PDB file of N, CA and C in Angstrom:
ATOM      1  N   MET A   1      16.824  13.604  18.081  1.00  0.00           N
ATOM      2  CA  MET A   1      16.236  14.763  17.442  1.00  0.00           C
ATOM      3  C   MET A   1      15.110  14.308  16.509  1.00  0.00           C
ATOM      4  N   VAL A   2      14.003  15.002  16.577  1.00  0.00           N
ATOM      5  CA  VAL A   2      12.866  14.690  15.710  1.00  0.00           C
ATOM      6  C   VAL A   2      13.143  15.215  14.308  1.00  0.00           C
ATOM      7  N   LYS A   3      13.057  14.329  13.328  1.00  0.00           N
ATOM      8  CA  LYS A   3      13.286  14.682  11.927  1.00  0.00           C
ATOM      9  C   LYS A   3      11.987  14.791  11.137  1.00  0.00           C
ATOM     10  N   GLY A   4      10.920  14.177  11.651  1.00  0.00           N
ATOM     11  CA  GLY A   4       9.642  14.243  10.951  1.00  0.00           C
ATOM     12  C   GLY A   4       8.546  13.548  11.736  1.00  0.00           C
ATOM     13  N   ILE A   5       7.314  13.965  11.493  1.00  0.00           N
ATOM     14  CA  ILE A   5       6.155  13.318  12.093  1.00  0.00           C
ATOM     15  C   ILE A   5       5.137  13.027  11.006  1.00  0.00           C
ATOM     16  N   GLY A   6       4.304  12.063  11.254  1.00  0.00           N
ATOM     17  CA  GLY A   6       3.257  11.738  10.296  1.00  0.00           C
ATOM     18  C   GLY A   6       2.090  11.068  10.996  1.00  0.00           C
ATOM     19  N   ALA A   7       0.916  11.253  10.445  1.00  0.00           N
ATOM     20  CA  ALA A   7      -0.295  10.628  10.973  1.00  0.00           C
ATOM     21  C   ALA A   7      -1.195  10.245   9.811  1.00  0.00           C
ATOM     22  N   ASP A   8      -1.999   9.217  10.027  1.00  0.00           N
ATOM     23  CA  ASP A   8      -2.960   8.828   8.999  1.00  0.00           C
ATOM     24  C   ASP A   8      -4.126   8.099   9.656  1.00  0.00           C
ATOM     25  N   ILE A   9      -5.273   8.209   9.032  1.00  0.00           N
ATOM     26  CA  ILE A   9      -6.480   7.516   9.478  1.00  0.00           C
ATOM     27  C   ILE A   9      -7.187   6.974   8.236  1.00  0.00           C
ATOM     28  N   ILE A  10      -7.757   5.788   8.364  1.00  0.00           N
ATOM     29  CA  ILE A  10      -8.449   5.173   7.231  1.00  0.00           C
ATOM     30  C   ILE A  10      -9.676   4.427   7.737  1.00  0.00           C
ATOM     31  N   GLU A  11     -10.715   4.421   6.924  1.00  0.00           N
ATOM     32  CA  GLU A  11     -11.899   3.621   7.229  1.00  0.00           C
ATOM     33  C   GLU A  11     -11.590   2.160   6.881  1.00  0.00           C
ATOM     34  N   ILE A  12     -11.839   1.291   7.817  1.00  0.00           N
ATOM     35  CA  ILE A  12     -11.576  -0.130   7.595  1.00  0.00           C
ATOM     36  C   ILE A  12     -12.414  -0.646   6.430  1.00  0.00           C
ATOM     37  N   LYS A  13     -13.645  -0.169   6.319  1.00  0.00           N
ATOM     38  CA  LYS A  13     -14.539  -0.593   5.238  1.00  0.00           C
ATOM     39  C   LYS A  13     -13.936  -0.273   3.867  1.00  0.00           C
ATOM     40  N   ARG A  14     -13.283   0.876   3.748  1.00  0.00           N
ATOM     41  CA  ARG A  14     -12.677   1.264   2.470  1.00  0.00           C
ATOM     42  C   ARG A  14     -11.590   0.280   2.054  1.00  0.00           C
ATOM     43  N   LEU A  15     -10.753  -0.107   3.007  1.00  0.00           N
ATOM     44  CA  LEU A  15      -9.694  -1.065   2.696  1.00  0.00           C
ATOM     45  C   LEU A  15     -10.289  -2.433   2.354  1.00  0.00           C
ATOM     46  N   ARG A  16     -11.299  -2.833   3.105  1.00  0.00           N
ATOM     47  CA  ARG A  16     -11.963  -4.119   2.837  1.00  0.00           C
ATOM     48  C   ARG A  16     -12.537  -4.149   1.413  1.00  0.00           C
ATOM     49  N   LEU A  17     -13.182  -3.059   0.994  1.00  0.00           N
ATOM     50  CA  LEU A  17     -13.772  -2.997  -0.353  1.00  0.00           C
ATOM     51  C   LEU A  17     -12.702  -3.074  -1.440  1.00  0.00           C
ATOM     52  N   LEU A  18     -11.573  -2.390  -1.229  1.00  0.00           N
ATOM     53  CA  LEU A  18     -10.480  -2.465  -2.207  1.00  0.00           C
ATOM     54  C   LEU A  18      -9.920  -3.879  -2.308  1.00  0.00           C
ATOM     55  N   ALA A  19      -9.767  -4.531  -1.164  1.00  0.00           N
ATOM     56  CA  ALA A  19      -9.247  -5.900  -1.163  1.00  0.00           C
ATOM     57  C   ALA A  19     -10.219  -6.863  -1.834  1.00  0.00           C
ATOM     58  N   GLU A  20     -11.501  -6.642  -1.662  1.00  0.00           N
ATOM     59  CA  GLU A  20     -12.500  -7.504  -2.300  1.00  0.00           C
ATOM     60  C   GLU A  20     -12.586  -7.240  -3.800  1.00  0.00           C
ATOM     61  N   LYS A  21     -12.410  -5.975  -4.186  1.00  0.00           N
ATOM     62  CA  LYS A  21     -12.475  -5.618  -5.606  1.00  0.00           C
ATOM     63  C   LYS A  21     -11.256  -6.135  -6.366  1.00  0.00           C
ATOM     64  N   TYR A  22     -10.093  -6.108  -5.714  1.00  0.00           N
ATOM     65  CA  TYR A  22      -8.839  -6.549  -6.338  1.00  0.00           C
ATOM     66  C   TYR A  22      -8.187  -7.617  -5.464  1.00  0.00           C
ATOM     67  N   PRO A  23      -8.796  -8.806  -5.386  1.00  0.00           N
ATOM     68  CA  PRO A  23      -8.235  -9.836  -4.502  1.00  0.00           C
ATOM     69  C   PRO A  23      -6.786 -10.158  -4.870  1.00  0.00           C
ATOM     70  N   ASP A  24      -5.997 -10.409  -3.875  1.00  0.00           N
ATOM     71  CA  ASP A  24      -4.566 -10.714  -3.991  1.00  0.00           C
ATOM     72  C   ASP A  24      -3.749  -9.541  -4.533  1.00  0.00           C
ATOM     73  N   LYS A  25      -4.164  -8.946  -5.634  1.00  0.00           N
ATOM     74  CA  LYS A  25      -3.383  -7.864  -6.230  1.00  0.00           C
ATOM     75  C   LYS A  25      -3.209  -6.702  -5.248  1.00  0.00           C
ATOM     76  N   PHE A  26      -4.275  -6.262  -4.620  1.00  0.00           N
ATOM     77  CA  PHE A  26      -4.199  -5.123  -3.702  1.00  0.00           C
ATOM     78  C   PHE A  26      -3.352  -5.468  -2.479  1.00  0.00           C
ATOM     79  N   ILE A  27      -3.681  -6.566  -1.815  1.00  0.00           N
ATOM     80  CA  ILE A  27      -2.977  -6.960  -0.593  1.00  0.00           C
ATOM     81  C   ILE A  27      -1.487  -7.167  -0.878  1.00  0.00           C
ATOM     82  N   ASN A  28      -1.169  -7.871  -1.949  1.00  0.00           N
ATOM     83  CA  ASN A  28       0.232  -8.176  -2.244  1.00  0.00           C
ATOM     84  C   ASN A  28       1.026  -6.969  -2.747  1.00  0.00           C
ATOM     85  N   LYS A  29       0.352  -5.957  -3.252  1.00  0.00           N
ATOM     86  CA  LYS A  29       1.034  -4.733  -3.679  1.00  0.00           C
ATOM     87  C   LYS A  29       1.403  -3.873  -2.466  1.00  0.00           C
ATOM     88  N   ILE A  30       0.590  -3.896  -1.447  1.00  0.00           N
ATOM     89  CA  ILE A  30       0.752  -3.009  -0.296  1.00  0.00           C
ATOM     90  C   ILE A  30       1.574  -3.646   0.819  1.00  0.00           C
ATOM     91  N   PHE A  31       1.338  -4.928   1.097  1.00  0.00           N
ATOM     92  CA  PHE A  31       1.867  -5.562   2.300  1.00  0.00           C
ATOM     93  C   PHE A  31       2.939  -6.602   1.999  1.00  0.00           C
ATOM     94  N   THR A  32       3.911  -6.705   2.915  1.00  0.00           N
ATOM     95  CA  THR A  32       4.936  -7.742   2.803  1.00  0.00           C
ATOM     96  C   THR A  32       4.329  -9.094   3.169  1.00  0.00           C
ATOM     97  N   GLN A  33       5.042 -10.142   2.852  1.00  0.00           N
ATOM     98  CA  GLN A  33       4.551 -11.487   3.169  1.00  0.00           C
ATOM     99  C   GLN A  33       4.352 -11.660   4.674  1.00  0.00           C
ATOM    100  N   ASP A  34       5.279 -11.158   5.478  1.00  0.00           N
ATOM    101  CA  ASP A  34       5.135 -11.280   6.934  1.00  0.00           C
ATOM    102  C   ASP A  34       3.912 -10.513   7.445  1.00  0.00           C
ATOM    103  N   GLU A  35       3.626  -9.356   6.863  1.00  0.00           N
ATOM    104  CA  GLU A  35       2.432  -8.598   7.256  1.00  0.00           C
ATOM    105  C   GLU A  35       1.163  -9.347   6.888  1.00  0.00           C
ATOM    106  N   VAL A  36       1.155  -9.955   5.717  1.00  0.00           N
ATOM    107  CA  VAL A  36      -0.018 -10.734   5.280  1.00  0.00           C
ATOM    108  C   VAL A  36      -0.263 -11.899   6.230  1.00  0.00           C
ATOM    109  N   VAL A  37       0.807 -12.603   6.592  1.00  0.00           N
ATOM    110  CA  VAL A  37       0.669 -13.733   7.517  1.00  0.00           C
ATOM    111  C   VAL A  37       0.128 -13.253   8.855  1.00  0.00           C
ATOM    112  N   TYR A  38       0.704 -12.174   9.402  1.00  0.00           N
ATOM    113  CA  TYR A  38       0.269 -11.653  10.697  1.00  0.00           C
ATOM    114  C   TYR A  38      -1.219 -11.293  10.667  1.00  0.00           C
ATOM    115  N   CYS A  39      -1.640 -10.534   9.677  1.00  0.00           N
ATOM    116  CA  CYS A  39      -3.032 -10.089   9.600  1.00  0.00           C
ATOM    117  C   CYS A  39      -3.981 -11.252   9.332  1.00  0.00           C
ATOM    118  N   SER A  40      -3.560 -12.189   8.509  1.00  0.00           N
ATOM    119  CA  SER A  40      -4.414 -13.312   8.127  1.00  0.00           C
ATOM    120  C   SER A  40      -4.713 -14.253   9.286  1.00  0.00           C
ATOM    121  N   LEU A  41      -3.911 -14.200  10.332  1.00  0.00           N
ATOM    122  CA  LEU A  41      -4.152 -15.046  11.501  1.00  0.00           C
ATOM    123  C   LEU A  41      -5.277 -14.515  12.383  1.00  0.00           C
ATOM    124  N   ARG A  42      -5.742 -13.315  12.108  1.00  0.00           N
ATOM    125  CA  ARG A  42      -6.820 -12.702  12.891  1.00  0.00           C
ATOM    126  C   ARG A  42      -8.169 -13.205  12.394  1.00  0.00           C
ATOM    127  N   LYS A  43      -9.157 -13.230  13.308  1.00  0.00           N
ATOM    128  CA  LYS A  43     -10.514 -13.642  12.942  1.00  0.00           C
ATOM    129  C   LYS A  43     -11.024 -12.773  11.798  1.00  0.00           C
ATOM    130  N   ASP A  44     -10.862 -11.466  11.926  1.00  0.00           N
ATOM    131  CA  ASP A  44     -11.145 -10.515  10.844  1.00  0.00           C
ATOM    132  C   ASP A  44      -9.833  -9.792  10.553  1.00  0.00           C
ATOM    133  N   PRO A  45      -9.186 -10.079   9.454  1.00  0.00           N
ATOM    134  CA  PRO A  45      -7.872  -9.493   9.179  1.00  0.00           C
ATOM    135  C   PRO A  45      -7.901  -8.014   8.789  1.00  0.00           C
ATOM    136  N   PHE A  46      -9.060  -7.496   8.399  1.00  0.00           N
ATOM    137  CA  PHE A  46      -9.082  -6.154   7.818  1.00  0.00           C
ATOM    138  C   PHE A  46      -8.788  -5.015   8.786  1.00  0.00           C
ATOM    139  N   PRO A  47      -9.178  -5.066  10.046  1.00  0.00           N
ATOM    140  CA  PRO A  47      -8.728  -4.012  10.948  1.00  0.00           C
ATOM    141  C   PRO A  47      -7.193  -3.968  11.072  1.00  0.00           C
ATOM    142  N   SER A  48      -6.555  -5.120  11.088  1.00  0.00           N
ATOM    143  CA  SER A  48      -5.091  -5.165  11.163  1.00  0.00           C
ATOM    144  C   SER A  48      -4.453  -4.677   9.863  1.00  0.00           C
ATOM    145  N   PHE A  49      -5.029  -5.072   8.723  1.00  0.00           N
ATOM    146  CA  PHE A  49      -4.527  -4.557   7.446  1.00  0.00           C
ATOM    147  C   PHE A  49      -4.675  -3.030   7.395  1.00  0.00           C
ATOM    148  N   ALA A  50      -5.829  -2.532   7.819  1.00  0.00           N
ATOM    149  CA  ALA A  50      -6.071  -1.086   7.783  1.00  0.00           C
ATOM    150  C   ALA A  50      -5.101  -0.341   8.694  1.00  0.00           C
ATOM    151  N   ALA A  51      -4.846  -0.881   9.882  1.00  0.00           N
ATOM    152  CA  ALA A  51      -3.905  -0.244  10.805  1.00  0.00           C
ATOM    153  C   ALA A  51      -2.509  -0.194  10.193  1.00  0.00           C
ATOM    154  N   ARG A  52      -2.107  -1.246   9.520  1.00  0.00           N
ATOM    155  CA  ARG A  52      -0.789  -1.263   8.883  1.00  0.00           C
ATOM    156  C   ARG A  52      -0.748  -0.336   7.674  1.00  0.00           C
ATOM    157  N   PHE A  53      -1.841  -0.231   6.947  1.00  0.00           N
ATOM    158  CA  PHE A  53      -1.902   0.715   5.838  1.00  0.00           C
ATOM    159  C   PHE A  53      -1.726   2.142   6.368  1.00  0.00           C
ATOM    160  N   ALA A  54      -2.460   2.476   7.428  1.00  0.00           N
ATOM    161  CA  ALA A  54      -2.335   3.810   8.037  1.00  0.00           C
ATOM    162  C   ALA A  54      -0.916   4.035   8.544  1.00  0.00           C
ATOM    163  N   ALA A  55      -0.306   2.996   9.101  1.00  0.00           N
ATOM    164  CA  ALA A  55       1.067   3.117   9.598  1.00  0.00           C
ATOM    165  C   ALA A  55       2.039   3.404   8.457  1.00  0.00           C
ATOM    166  N   LYS A  56       1.875   2.717   7.334  1.00  0.00           N
ATOM    167  CA  LYS A  56       2.751   2.964   6.183  1.00  0.00           C
ATOM    168  C   LYS A  56       2.605   4.414   5.707  1.00  0.00           C
ATOM    169  N   GLU A  57       1.372   4.887   5.618  1.00  0.00           N
ATOM    170  CA  GLU A  57       1.126   6.278   5.221  1.00  0.00           C
ATOM    171  C   GLU A  57       1.786   7.254   6.199  1.00  0.00           C
ATOM    172  N   ALA A  58       1.620   6.993   7.505  1.00  0.00           N
ATOM    173  CA  ALA A  58       2.195   7.876   8.522  1.00  0.00           C
ATOM    174  C   ALA A  58       3.721   7.898   8.426  1.00  0.00           C
ATOM    175  N   VAL A  59       4.332   6.749   8.204  1.00  0.00           N
ATOM    176  CA  VAL A  59       5.790   6.676   8.075  1.00  0.00           C
ATOM    177  C   VAL A  59       6.258   7.443   6.842  1.00  0.00           C
ATOM    178  N   LEU A  60       5.568   7.275   5.728  1.00  0.00           N
ATOM    179  CA  LEU A  60       5.948   7.997   4.509  1.00  0.00           C
ATOM    180  C   LEU A  60       5.845   9.504   4.707  1.00  0.00           C
ATOM    181  N   LYS A  61       4.858   9.940   5.477  1.00  0.00           N
ATOM    182  CA  LYS A  61       4.729  11.362   5.800  1.00  0.00           C
ATOM    183  C   LYS A  61       5.871  11.803   6.711  1.00  0.00           C
ATOM    184  N   ALA A  62       6.228  10.978   7.692  1.00  0.00           N
ATOM    185  CA  ALA A  62       7.330  11.313   8.600  1.00  0.00           C
ATOM    186  C   ALA A  62       8.652  11.392   7.847  1.00  0.00           C
ATOM    187  N   LEU A  63       8.809  10.560   6.820  1.00  0.00           N
ATOM    188  CA  LEU A  63      10.015  10.623   5.981  1.00  0.00           C
ATOM    189  C   LEU A  63       9.999  11.854   5.069  1.00  0.00           C
ATOM    190  N   GLY A  64       8.816  12.422   4.884  1.00  0.00           N
ATOM    191  CA  GLY A  64       8.685  13.609   4.049  1.00  0.00           C
ATOM    192  C   GLY A  64       8.640  13.316   2.570  1.00  0.00           C
ATOM    193  N   THR A  65       8.304  12.086   2.205  1.00  0.00           N
ATOM    194  CA  THR A  65       8.361  11.700   0.803  1.00  0.00           C
ATOM    195  C   THR A  65       7.038  11.270   0.202  1.00  0.00           C
ATOM    196  N   GLY A  66       6.157  10.675   1.006  1.00  0.00           N
ATOM    197  CA  GLY A  66       5.025   9.987   0.414  1.00  0.00           C
ATOM    198  C   GLY A  66       5.558   8.847  -0.433  1.00  0.00           C
ATOM    199  N   LEU A  67       4.870   8.512  -1.485  1.00  0.00           N
ATOM    200  CA  LEU A  67       5.320   7.430  -2.373  1.00  0.00           C
ATOM    201  C   LEU A  67       6.222   7.928  -3.495  1.00  0.00           C
ATOM    202  N   ALA A  68       6.787   9.106  -3.346  1.00  0.00           N
ATOM    203  CA  ALA A  68       7.666   9.660  -4.383  1.00  0.00           C
ATOM    204  C   ALA A  68       9.076   9.083  -4.277  1.00  0.00           C
ATOM    205  N   PHE A  69       9.899   9.433  -5.222  1.00  0.00           N
ATOM    206  CA  PHE A  69      11.330   9.095  -5.231  1.00  0.00           C
ATOM    207  C   PHE A  69      11.597   7.597  -5.288  1.00  0.00           C
ATOM    208  N   GLY A  70      10.676   6.828  -5.839  1.00  0.00           N
ATOM    209  CA  GLY A  70      10.887   5.399  -6.015  1.00  0.00           C
ATOM    210  C   GLY A  70      10.548   4.529  -4.817  1.00  0.00           C
ATOM    211  N   ILE A  71       9.966   5.110  -3.781  1.00  0.00           N
ATOM    212  CA  ILE A  71       9.569   4.311  -2.620  1.00  0.00           C
ATOM    213  C   ILE A  71       8.284   3.551  -2.953  1.00  0.00           C
ATOM    214  N   SER A  72       8.228   2.294  -2.542  1.00  0.00           N
ATOM    215  CA  SER A  72       7.011   1.500  -2.725  1.00  0.00           C
ATOM    216  C   SER A  72       6.397   1.197  -1.361  1.00  0.00           C
ATOM    217  N   TRP A  73       5.152   0.761  -1.372  1.00  0.00           N
ATOM    218  CA  TRP A  73       4.456   0.422  -0.134  1.00  0.00           C
ATOM    219  C   TRP A  73       5.221  -0.598   0.678  1.00  0.00           C
ATOM    220  N   ARG A  74       5.785  -1.582  -0.003  1.00  0.00           N
ATOM    221  CA  ARG A  74       6.456  -2.679   0.687  1.00  0.00           C
ATOM    222  C   ARG A  74       7.837  -2.293   1.220  1.00  0.00           C
ATOM    223  N   ASP A  75       8.288  -1.077   0.923  1.00  0.00           N
ATOM    224  CA  ASP A  75       9.552  -0.582   1.484  1.00  0.00           C
ATOM    225  C   ASP A  75       9.405  -0.184   2.948  1.00  0.00           C
ATOM    226  N   VAL A  76       8.174  -0.088   3.411  1.00  0.00           N
ATOM    227  CA  VAL A  76       7.877   0.189   4.824  1.00  0.00           C
ATOM    228  C   VAL A  76       7.148  -1.034   5.367  1.00  0.00           C
ATOM    229  N   GLU A  77       7.741  -1.665   6.366  1.00  0.00           N
ATOM    230  CA  GLU A  77       7.164  -2.885   6.930  1.00  0.00           C
ATOM    231  C   GLU A  77       6.887  -2.685   8.414  1.00  0.00           C
ATOM    232  N   ILE A  78       5.715  -3.142   8.843  1.00  0.00           N
ATOM    233  CA  ILE A  78       5.328  -3.059  10.243  1.00  0.00           C
ATOM    234  C   ILE A  78       5.396  -4.469  10.814  1.00  0.00           C
ATOM    235  N   ALA A  79       6.301  -4.649  11.763  1.00  0.00           N
ATOM    236  CA  ALA A  79       6.485  -5.952  12.400  1.00  0.00           C
ATOM    237  C   ALA A  79       5.958  -5.880  13.825  1.00  0.00           C
ATOM    238  N   THR A  80       5.329  -6.943  14.261  1.00  0.00           N
ATOM    239  CA  THR A  80       4.806  -6.999  15.622  1.00  0.00           C
ATOM    240  C   THR A  80       5.198  -8.332  16.244  1.00  0.00           C
ATOM    241  N   GLU A  81       5.966  -8.262  17.311  1.00  0.00           N
ATOM    242  CA  GLU A  81       6.319  -9.449  18.082  1.00  0.00           C
ATOM    243  C   GLU A  81       5.299  -9.603  19.204  1.00  0.00           C
ATOM    244  N   THR A  82       4.954 -10.814  19.544  1.00  0.00           N
ATOM    245  CA  THR A  82       3.992 -11.068  20.605  1.00  0.00           C
ATOM    246  C   THR A  82       4.434 -10.382  21.892  1.00  0.00           C
ATOM    247  N   GLY A  83       3.526  -9.623  22.486  1.00  0.00           N
ATOM    248  CA  GLY A  83       3.815  -8.945  23.735  1.00  0.00           C
ATOM    249  C   GLY A  83       4.583  -7.651  23.596  1.00  0.00           C
ATOM    250  N   GLN A  84       4.844  -7.222  22.368  1.00  0.00           N
ATOM    251  CA  GLN A  84       5.570  -5.984  22.124  1.00  0.00           C
ATOM    252  C   GLN A  84       4.772  -5.113  21.163  1.00  0.00           C
ATOM    253  N   GLY A  85       5.094  -3.840  21.145  1.00  0.00           N
ATOM    254  CA  GLY A  85       4.446  -2.931  20.218  1.00  0.00           C
ATOM    255  C   GLY A  85       4.990  -3.097  18.809  1.00  0.00           C
ATOM    256  N   PRO A  86       4.341  -2.472  17.849  1.00  0.00           N
ATOM    257  CA  PRO A  86       4.801  -2.571  16.455  1.00  0.00           C
ATOM    258  C   PRO A  86       6.128  -1.845  16.261  1.00  0.00           C
ATOM    259  N   GLU A  87       6.925  -2.348  15.346  1.00  0.00           N
ATOM    260  CA  GLU A  87       8.196  -1.736  14.986  1.00  0.00           C
ATOM    261  C   GLU A  87       8.263  -1.556  13.477  1.00  0.00           C
ATOM    262  N   ILE A  88       8.977  -0.526  13.053  1.00  0.00           N
ATOM    263  CA  ILE A  88       9.123  -0.218  11.636  1.00  0.00           C
ATOM    264  C   ILE A  88      10.446  -0.745  11.111  1.00  0.00           C
ATOM    265  N   SER A  89      10.374  -1.423   9.976  1.00  0.00           N
ATOM    266  CA  SER A  89      11.572  -1.801   9.222  1.00  0.00           C
ATOM    267  C   SER A  89      11.479  -1.125   7.865  1.00  0.00           C
ATOM    268  N   LEU A  90      12.513  -0.393   7.516  1.00  0.00           N
ATOM    269  CA  LEU A  90      12.569   0.249   6.205  1.00  0.00           C
ATOM    270  C   LEU A  90      13.433  -0.596   5.281  1.00  0.00           C
ATOM    271  N   HIS A  91      13.049  -0.643   4.012  1.00  0.00           N
ATOM    272  CA  HIS A  91      13.769  -1.434   3.023  1.00  0.00           C
ATOM    273  C   HIS A  91      14.001  -0.587   1.767  1.00  0.00           C
ATOM    274  N   ASN A  92      14.947  -1.025   0.971  1.00  0.00           N
ATOM    275  CA  ASN A  92      15.191  -0.480  -0.367  1.00  0.00           C
ATOM    276  C   ASN A  92      15.287   1.043  -0.363  1.00  0.00           C
ATOM    277  N   LYS A  93      14.479   1.688  -1.168  1.00  0.00           N
ATOM    278  CA  LYS A  93      14.568   3.140  -1.338  1.00  0.00           C
ATOM    279  C   LYS A  93      14.219   3.894  -0.053  1.00  0.00           C
ATOM    280  N   ALA A  94      13.315   3.359   0.766  1.00  0.00           N
ATOM    281  CA  ALA A  94      12.921   4.039   2.006  1.00  0.00           C
ATOM    282  C   ALA A  94      14.097   4.146   2.971  1.00  0.00           C
ATOM    283  N   ILE A  95      14.880   3.077   3.102  1.00  0.00           N
ATOM    284  CA  ILE A  95      16.019   3.130   4.016  1.00  0.00           C
ATOM    285  C   ILE A  95      17.118   4.042   3.460  1.00  0.00           C
ATOM    286  N   GLU A  96      17.242   4.070   2.152  1.00  0.00           N
ATOM    287  CA  GLU A  96      18.223   4.955   1.505  1.00  0.00           C
ATOM    288  C   GLU A  96      17.880   6.424   1.775  1.00  0.00           C
ATOM    289  N   ILE A  97      16.626   6.780   1.567  1.00  0.00           N
ATOM    290  CA  ILE A  97      16.196   8.168   1.779  1.00  0.00           C
ATOM    291  C   ILE A  97      16.267   8.538   3.260  1.00  0.00           C
ATOM    292  N   ALA A  98      15.888   7.612   4.125  1.00  0.00           N
ATOM    293  CA  ALA A  98      15.996   7.873   5.567  1.00  0.00           C
ATOM    294  C   ALA A  98      17.447   8.183   5.929  1.00  0.00           C
ATOM    295  N   GLY A  99      18.373   7.416   5.396  1.00  0.00           N
ATOM    296  CA  GLY A  99      19.789   7.660   5.661  1.00  0.00           C
ATOM    297  C   GLY A  99      20.238   9.028   5.167  1.00  0.00           C
ATOM    298  N   GLU A 100      19.794   9.409   3.986  1.00  0.00           N
ATOM    299  CA  GLU A 100      20.149  10.727   3.437  1.00  0.00           C
ATOM    300  C   GLU A 100      19.626  11.857   4.313  1.00  0.00           C
ATOM    301  N   LYS A 101      18.492  11.626   4.974  1.00  0.00           N
ATOM    302  CA  LYS A 101      17.879  12.657   5.817  1.00  0.00           C
ATOM    303  C   LYS A 101      18.337  12.564   7.274  1.00  0.00           C
ATOM    304  N   GLY A 102      19.234  11.631   7.561  1.00  0.00           N
ATOM    305  CA  GLY A 102      19.723  11.475   8.920  1.00  0.00           C
ATOM    306  C   GLY A 102      18.741  10.809   9.863  1.00  0.00           C
ATOM    307  N   ILE A 103      17.788  10.064   9.297  1.00  0.00           N
ATOM    308  CA  ILE A 103      16.790   9.349  10.110  1.00  0.00           C
ATOM    309  C   ILE A 103      17.323   7.948  10.379  1.00  0.00           C
ATOM    310  N   ASN A 104      17.451   7.595  11.653  1.00  0.00           N
ATOM    311  CA  ASN A 104      17.954   6.261  11.977  1.00  0.00           C
ATOM    312  C   ASN A 104      16.938   5.392  12.719  1.00  0.00           C
ATOM    313  N   LYS A 105      15.788   5.942  13.046  1.00  0.00           N
ATOM    314  CA  LYS A 105      14.734   5.157  13.706  1.00  0.00           C
ATOM    315  C   LYS A 105      13.387   5.830  13.465  1.00  0.00           C
ATOM    316  N   VAL A 106      12.368   4.999  13.287  1.00  0.00           N
ATOM    317  CA  VAL A 106      11.004   5.513  13.166  1.00  0.00           C
ATOM    318  C   VAL A 106      10.156   4.795  14.208  1.00  0.00           C
ATOM    319  N   LEU A 107       9.547   5.581  15.086  1.00  0.00           N
ATOM    320  CA  LEU A 107       8.628   5.036  16.085  1.00  0.00           C
ATOM    321  C   LEU A 107       7.216   5.099  15.529  1.00  0.00           C
ATOM    322  N   ILE A 108       6.398   4.114  15.908  1.00  0.00           N
ATOM    323  CA  ILE A 108       5.039   4.055  15.372  1.00  0.00           C
ATOM    324  C   ILE A 108       4.056   3.668  16.475  1.00  0.00           C
ATOM    325  N   SER A 109       2.879   4.247  16.417  1.00  0.00           N
ATOM    326  CA  SER A 109       1.774   3.848  17.277  1.00  0.00           C
ATOM    327  C   SER A 109       0.571   3.649  16.370  1.00  0.00           C
ATOM    328  N   ILE A 110      -0.079   2.491  16.494  1.00  0.00           N
ATOM    329  CA  ILE A 110      -1.242   2.198  15.667  1.00  0.00           C
ATOM    330  C   ILE A 110      -2.401   1.732  16.540  1.00  0.00           C
ATOM    331  N   SER A 111      -3.611   1.976  16.048  1.00  0.00           N
ATOM    332  CA  SER A 111      -4.797   1.534  16.763  1.00  0.00           C
ATOM    333  C   SER A 111      -5.952   1.418  15.774  1.00  0.00           C
ATOM    334  N   HIS A 112      -6.957   0.650  16.164  1.00  0.00           N
ATOM    335  CA  HIS A 112      -8.177   0.570  15.358  1.00  0.00           C
ATOM    336  C   HIS A 112      -9.357   0.291  16.264  1.00  0.00           C
ATOM    337  N   ASP A 113     -10.522   0.704  15.792  1.00  0.00           N
ATOM    338  CA  ASP A 113     -11.765   0.390  16.486  1.00  0.00           C
ATOM    339  C   ASP A 113     -12.701  -0.253  15.478  1.00  0.00           C
ATOM    340  N   ARG A 114     -13.970  -0.150  15.688  1.00  0.00           N
ATOM    341  CA  ARG A 114     -14.936  -0.800  14.807  1.00  0.00           C
ATOM    342  C   ARG A 114     -14.875  -0.275  13.374  1.00  0.00           C
ATOM    343  N   ASP A 115     -14.653   1.034  13.199  1.00  0.00           N
ATOM    344  CA  ASP A 115     -14.780   1.646  11.876  1.00  0.00           C
ATOM    345  C   ASP A 115     -13.491   2.166  11.261  1.00  0.00           C
ATOM    346  N   LYS A 116     -12.539   2.575  12.090  1.00  0.00           N
ATOM    347  CA  LYS A 116     -11.354   3.268  11.578  1.00  0.00           C
ATOM    348  C   LYS A 116     -10.076   2.715  12.193  1.00  0.00           C
ATOM    349  N   ALA A 117      -8.982   2.923  11.437  1.00  0.00           N
ATOM    350  CA  ALA A 117      -7.638   2.614  11.935  1.00  0.00           C
ATOM    351  C   ALA A 117      -6.836   3.901  11.844  1.00  0.00           C
ATOM    352  N   ILE A 118      -5.918   4.071  12.792  1.00  0.00           N
ATOM    353  CA  ILE A 118      -5.137   5.299  12.877  1.00  0.00           C
ATOM    354  C   ILE A 118      -3.692   4.956  13.220  1.00  0.00           C
ATOM    355  N   ALA A 119      -2.777   5.807  12.773  1.00  0.00           N
ATOM    356  CA  ALA A 119      -1.358   5.608  13.089  1.00  0.00           C
ATOM    357  C   ALA A 119      -0.658   6.948  13.212  1.00  0.00           C
ATOM    358  N   PHE A 120       0.342   6.985  14.099  1.00  0.00           N
ATOM    359  CA  PHE A 120       1.220   8.133  14.271  1.00  0.00           C
ATOM    360  C   PHE A 120       2.654   7.650  14.169  1.00  0.00           C
ATOM    361  N   ALA A 121       3.474   8.380  13.417  1.00  0.00           N
ATOM    362  CA  ALA A 121       4.883   8.021  13.243  1.00  0.00           C
ATOM    363  C   ALA A 121       5.769   9.195  13.624  1.00  0.00           C
ATOM    364  N   LEU A 122       6.912   8.866  14.196  1.00  0.00           N
ATOM    365  CA  LEU A 122       7.897   9.858  14.602  1.00  0.00           C
ATOM    366  C   LEU A 122       9.248   9.393  14.068  1.00  0.00           C
ATOM    367  N   ALA A 123       9.839  10.183  13.167  1.00  0.00           N
ATOM    368  CA  ALA A 123      11.146   9.880  12.595  1.00  0.00           C
ATOM    369  C   ALA A 123      12.221  10.565  13.441  1.00  0.00           C
ATOM    370  N   LEU A 124      13.207   9.778  13.878  1.00  0.00           N
ATOM    371  CA  LEU A 124      14.258  10.283  14.769  1.00  0.00           C
ATOM    372  C   LEU A 124      15.627  10.157  14.108  1.00  0.00           C
ATOM    373  N   GLY A 125      16.522  11.030  14.479  1.00  0.00           N
ATOM    374  CA  GLY A 125      17.899  10.971  13.987  1.00  0.00           C
ATOM    375  C   GLY A 125      18.800  11.876  14.772  1.00  0.00           C
ATOM    376  N   GLY A 126      20.068  11.792  14.450  1.00  0.00           N
ATOM    377  CA  GLY A 126      21.044  12.685  15.083  1.00  0.00           C
ATOM    378  C   GLY A 126      21.410  12.221  16.431  1.00  0.00           C
TER     379      GLY A 126
END
């Protein structure tokens, strides 16, 4: 059963400018260590960072919370195994709220092109 949906789009340039303005602080506030490693292995890491940022936003919308109720950016993690699509791992307050809402899985689709990154999330339960 679908419990929630979410979508987000972001300009890659906007994320790049924030990361340059607040080096380390911005990236480490938003992304988990595994996400940083994954993105940093790319020739240009910012499209991957932007796609994951959009994915986090989409998941928070699918949960129906945004960043409210004590959820932090790092409570939503996007993991990608080689040859597989991205998967969502919820942590801390995000997994607690998902459980309260009967959400047991969140599906995600992410993409980026030259200028923008986009993500769609589907929260499932029951």
